[in-house]
């Protein structure tokens, strides 16, 4: 467990340094409002669930990205500060990061937008030189 903790601390320190170096030229991205009505019934979704290792190089459509982020950690009872997922003692200790071609972003559920944290980090794992 100590190795895992050390890895995550190092990872987040590197991500912080990358973000500090390249976030100035990125702008926040306001997400679309999540579509919370409709969709497939839970039992049908579970019945059709399967694993796939085929990934598309295309970006997610903006509405799909907004829906996924909201489902993963959005506010479903914003008036009382409650989220779509539970957390121990309501600690709310989760952060969601989105890697896009333009850079790295942090999901801000309160404002429903992506906050830039780095423009030099690329989705393929490479870091662009300063320029």
C-alpha atoms as a PDB file:
ATOM      1  CA  UNK A   1       0.000   0.000   0.000  1.00  0.00           C
ATOM      2  CA  UNK A   2       2.882   2.382   0.705  1.00  0.00           C
ATOM      3  CA  UNK A   3       4.190   1.953  -2.853  1.00  0.00           C
ATOM      4  CA  UNK A   4       0.768   2.819  -4.269  1.00  0.00           C
ATOM      5  CA  UNK A   5       0.483   5.913  -2.095  1.00  0.00           C
ATOM      6  CA  UNK A   6       3.972   7.067  -3.122  1.00  0.00           C
ATOM      7  CA  UNK A   7       3.108   6.517  -6.788  1.00  0.00           C
ATOM      8  CA  UNK A   8      -0.081   8.574  -6.557  1.00  0.00           C
ATOM      9  CA  UNK A   9       1.651  11.388  -4.682  1.00  0.00           C
ATOM     10  CA  UNK A  10       4.396  11.519  -7.337  1.00  0.00           C
ATOM     11  CA  UNK A  11       1.833  11.354 -10.143  1.00  0.00           C
ATOM     12  CA  UNK A  12      -0.176  14.259  -8.762  1.00  0.00           C
ATOM     13  CA  UNK A  13       2.945  16.336  -8.102  1.00  0.00           C
ATOM     14  CA  UNK A  14       4.024  15.861 -11.718  1.00  0.00           C
ATOM     15  CA  UNK A  15       0.516  16.696 -12.935  1.00  0.00           C
ATOM     16  CA  UNK A  16       0.516  19.813 -10.759  1.00  0.00           C
ATOM     17  CA  UNK A  17       3.852  20.960 -12.189  1.00  0.00           C
ATOM     18  CA  UNK A  18       2.651  20.311 -15.727  1.00  0.00           C
ATOM     19  CA  UNK A  19      -0.530  22.230 -15.023  1.00  0.00           C
ATOM     20  CA  UNK A  20       1.293  25.156 -13.478  1.00  0.00           C
ATOM     21  CA  UNK A  21       3.520  25.394 -16.521  1.00  0.00           C
ATOM     22  CA  UNK A  22       0.851  25.274 -19.218  1.00  0.00           C
ATOM     23  CA  UNK A  23      -2.599  26.206 -18.003  1.00  0.00           C
ATOM     24  CA  UNK A  24      -2.280  29.928 -18.756  1.00  0.00           C
ATOM     25  CA  UNK A  25      -3.232  29.652 -22.418  1.00  0.00           C
ATOM     26  CA  UNK A  26      -6.242  27.378 -21.850  1.00  0.00           C
ATOM     27  CA  UNK A  27      -9.702  28.668 -21.056  1.00  0.00           C
ATOM     28  CA  UNK A  28     -12.348  26.943 -18.926  1.00  0.00           C
ATOM     29  CA  UNK A  29     -14.893  24.916 -20.906  1.00  0.00           C
ATOM     30  CA  UNK A  30     -18.519  25.372 -19.908  1.00  0.00           C
ATOM     31  CA  UNK A  31     -20.233  22.001 -20.251  1.00  0.00           C
ATOM     32  CA  UNK A  32     -23.737  21.455 -21.540  1.00  0.00           C
ATOM     33  CA  UNK A  33     -26.396  20.742 -18.951  1.00  0.00           C
ATOM     34  CA  UNK A  34     -26.563  16.992 -18.364  1.00  0.00           C
ATOM     35  CA  UNK A  35     -29.527  15.151 -19.842  1.00  0.00           C
ATOM     36  CA  UNK A  36     -31.007  13.448 -16.806  1.00  0.00           C
ATOM     37  CA  UNK A  37     -34.232  12.213 -18.329  1.00  0.00           C
ATOM     38  CA  UNK A  38     -34.663   9.329 -20.712  1.00  0.00           C
ATOM     39  CA  UNK A  39     -32.001   6.758 -21.372  1.00  0.00           C
ATOM     40  CA  UNK A  40     -32.090   3.002 -21.150  1.00  0.00           C
ATOM     41  CA  UNK A  41     -33.725   1.358 -18.107  1.00  0.00           C
ATOM     42  CA  UNK A  42     -31.197  -0.004 -15.614  1.00  0.00           C
ATOM     43  CA  UNK A  43     -32.038  -3.682 -16.118  1.00  0.00           C
ATOM     44  CA  UNK A  44     -31.707  -3.388 -19.910  1.00  0.00           C
ATOM     45  CA  UNK A  45     -28.377  -1.583 -19.539  1.00  0.00           C
ATOM     46  CA  UNK A  46     -27.082  -4.308 -17.222  1.00  0.00           C
ATOM     47  CA  UNK A  47     -28.285  -7.039 -19.569  1.00  0.00           C
ATOM     48  CA  UNK A  48     -26.416  -5.488 -22.518  1.00  0.00           C
ATOM     49  CA  UNK A  49     -23.234  -4.655 -20.567  1.00  0.00           C
ATOM     50  CA  UNK A  50     -20.068  -6.144 -22.054  1.00  0.00           C
ATOM     51  CA  UNK A  51     -16.349  -5.469 -22.169  1.00  0.00           C
ATOM     52  CA  UNK A  52     -14.788  -4.008 -25.282  1.00  0.00           C
ATOM     53  CA  UNK A  53     -11.164  -3.247 -26.049  1.00  0.00           C
ATOM     54  CA  UNK A  54     -11.936  -1.319 -29.232  1.00  0.00           C
ATOM     55  CA  UNK A  55     -11.456   2.406 -28.718  1.00  0.00           C
ATOM     56  CA  UNK A  56     -12.301   5.167 -31.131  1.00  0.00           C
ATOM     57  CA  UNK A  57      -9.796   7.960 -31.793  1.00  0.00           C
ATOM     58  CA  UNK A  58     -12.739  10.399 -31.957  1.00  0.00           C
ATOM     59  CA  UNK A  59     -13.525  12.767 -29.111  1.00  0.00           C
ATOM     60  CA  UNK A  60     -16.687  12.222 -27.134  1.00  0.00           C
ATOM     61  CA  UNK A  61     -19.580  14.433 -28.205  1.00  0.00           C
ATOM     62  CA  UNK A  62     -19.976  17.358 -25.756  1.00  0.00           C
ATOM     63  CA  UNK A  63     -23.345  16.110 -24.475  1.00  0.00           C
ATOM     64  CA  UNK A  64     -21.988  12.613 -23.787  1.00  0.00           C
ATOM     65  CA  UNK A  65     -18.984  14.065 -21.915  1.00  0.00           C
ATOM     66  CA  UNK A  66     -21.262  16.255 -19.800  1.00  0.00           C
ATOM     67  CA  UNK A  67     -23.585  13.334 -19.027  1.00  0.00           C
ATOM     68  CA  UNK A  68     -20.686  11.040 -18.048  1.00  0.00           C
ATOM     69  CA  UNK A  69     -19.052  13.607 -15.771  1.00  0.00           C
ATOM     70  CA  UNK A  70     -22.368  14.401 -14.080  1.00  0.00           C
ATOM     71  CA  UNK A  71     -23.137  10.705 -13.592  1.00  0.00           C
ATOM     72  CA  UNK A  72     -19.650  10.057 -12.208  1.00  0.00           C
ATOM     73  CA  UNK A  73     -19.554  12.927  -9.698  1.00  0.00           C
ATOM     74  CA  UNK A  74     -22.123  15.636 -10.352  1.00  0.00           C
ATOM     75  CA  UNK A  75     -24.667  17.167  -8.026  1.00  0.00           C
ATOM     76  CA  UNK A  76     -28.090  15.540  -8.153  1.00  0.00           C
ATOM     77  CA  UNK A  77     -29.317  17.445  -5.089  1.00  0.00           C
ATOM     78  CA  UNK A  78     -27.406  20.698  -5.451  1.00  0.00           C
ATOM     79  CA  UNK A  79     -29.631  22.544  -2.970  1.00  0.00           C
ATOM     80  CA  UNK A  80     -28.205  20.377  -0.165  1.00  0.00           C
ATOM     81  CA  UNK A  81     -24.809  19.659  -1.736  1.00  0.00           C
ATOM     82  CA  UNK A  82     -25.395  15.966  -2.442  1.00  0.00           C
ATOM     83  CA  UNK A  83     -23.821  14.130  -5.342  1.00  0.00           C
ATOM     84  CA  UNK A  84     -24.664  11.273  -7.688  1.00  0.00           C
ATOM     85  CA  UNK A  85     -22.233   8.962  -5.864  1.00  0.00           C
ATOM     86  CA  UNK A  86     -21.758   8.272  -2.170  1.00  0.00           C
ATOM     87  CA  UNK A  87     -18.569   8.979  -0.249  1.00  0.00           C
ATOM     88  CA  UNK A  88     -17.399   7.947   3.209  1.00  0.00           C
ATOM     89  CA  UNK A  89     -18.560  10.460   5.827  1.00  0.00           C
ATOM     90  CA  UNK A  90     -19.481  12.792   2.925  1.00  0.00           C
ATOM     91  CA  UNK A  91     -15.763  13.588   2.434  1.00  0.00           C
ATOM     92  CA  UNK A  92     -16.185  14.193  -1.330  1.00  0.00           C
ATOM     93  CA  UNK A  93     -12.596  13.117  -1.933  1.00  0.00           C
ATOM     94  CA  UNK A  94     -12.841  12.410  -5.674  1.00  0.00           C
ATOM     95  CA  UNK A  95     -11.461  14.565  -8.496  1.00  0.00           C
ATOM     96  CA  UNK A  96     -12.221  13.864 -12.146  1.00  0.00           C
ATOM     97  CA  UNK A  97      -9.670  14.769 -14.814  1.00  0.00           C
ATOM     98  CA  UNK A  98     -10.380  15.017 -18.534  1.00  0.00           C
ATOM     99  CA  UNK A  99      -7.569  14.713 -21.053  1.00  0.00           C
ATOM    100  CA  UNK A 100      -8.325  16.406 -24.355  1.00  0.00           C
ATOM    101  CA  UNK A 101      -6.214  17.274 -27.391  1.00  0.00           C
ATOM    102  CA  UNK A 102      -6.005  20.855 -26.108  1.00  0.00           C
ATOM    103  CA  UNK A 103      -4.774  19.878 -22.644  1.00  0.00           C
ATOM    104  CA  UNK A 104      -5.691  18.539 -19.233  1.00  0.00           C
ATOM    105  CA  UNK A 105      -8.767  19.702 -17.317  1.00  0.00           C
ATOM    106  CA  UNK A 106     -10.307  19.222 -13.887  1.00  0.00           C
ATOM    107  CA  UNK A 107     -14.089  18.766 -13.654  1.00  0.00           C
ATOM    108  CA  UNK A 108     -15.769  21.362 -11.432  1.00  0.00           C
ATOM    109  CA  UNK A 109     -19.203  19.948 -10.644  1.00  0.00           C
ATOM    110  CA  UNK A 110     -20.437  23.108  -8.892  1.00  0.00           C
ATOM    111  CA  UNK A 111     -20.048  25.206 -12.032  1.00  0.00           C
ATOM    112  CA  UNK A 112     -20.438  22.259 -14.450  1.00  0.00           C
ATOM    113  CA  UNK A 113     -17.299  23.155 -16.320  1.00  0.00           C
ATOM    114  CA  UNK A 114     -13.799  21.945 -17.034  1.00  0.00           C
ATOM    115  CA  UNK A 115     -11.027  23.995 -15.446  1.00  0.00           C
ATOM    116  CA  UNK A 116      -7.694  23.942 -17.305  1.00  0.00           C
ATOM    117  CA  UNK A 117      -4.705  22.551 -15.470  1.00  0.00           C
ATOM    118  CA  UNK A 118      -2.280  22.017 -18.337  1.00  0.00           C
ATOM    119  CA  UNK A 119      -1.826  22.568 -22.059  1.00  0.00           C
ATOM    120  CA  UNK A 120       1.524  20.802 -22.514  1.00  0.00           C
ATOM    121  CA  UNK A 121       0.228  17.392 -21.419  1.00  0.00           C
ATOM    122  CA  UNK A 122      -1.016  15.395 -24.379  1.00  0.00           C
ATOM    123  CA  UNK A 123      -3.463  12.440 -24.365  1.00  0.00           C
ATOM    124  CA  UNK A 124      -0.729  10.129 -25.709  1.00  0.00           C
ATOM    125  CA  UNK A 125       1.292  10.761 -22.531  1.00  0.00           C
ATOM    126  CA  UNK A 126       3.884  13.012 -24.144  1.00  0.00           C
ATOM    127  CA  UNK A 127       4.659  16.470 -22.845  1.00  0.00           C
ATOM    128  CA  UNK A 128       5.167  19.186 -25.414  1.00  0.00           C
ATOM    129  CA  UNK A 129       8.222  21.440 -25.032  1.00  0.00           C
ATOM    130  CA  UNK A 130       7.685  24.939 -23.711  1.00  0.00           C
ATOM    131  CA  UNK A 131       7.182  27.335 -26.547  1.00  0.00           C
END
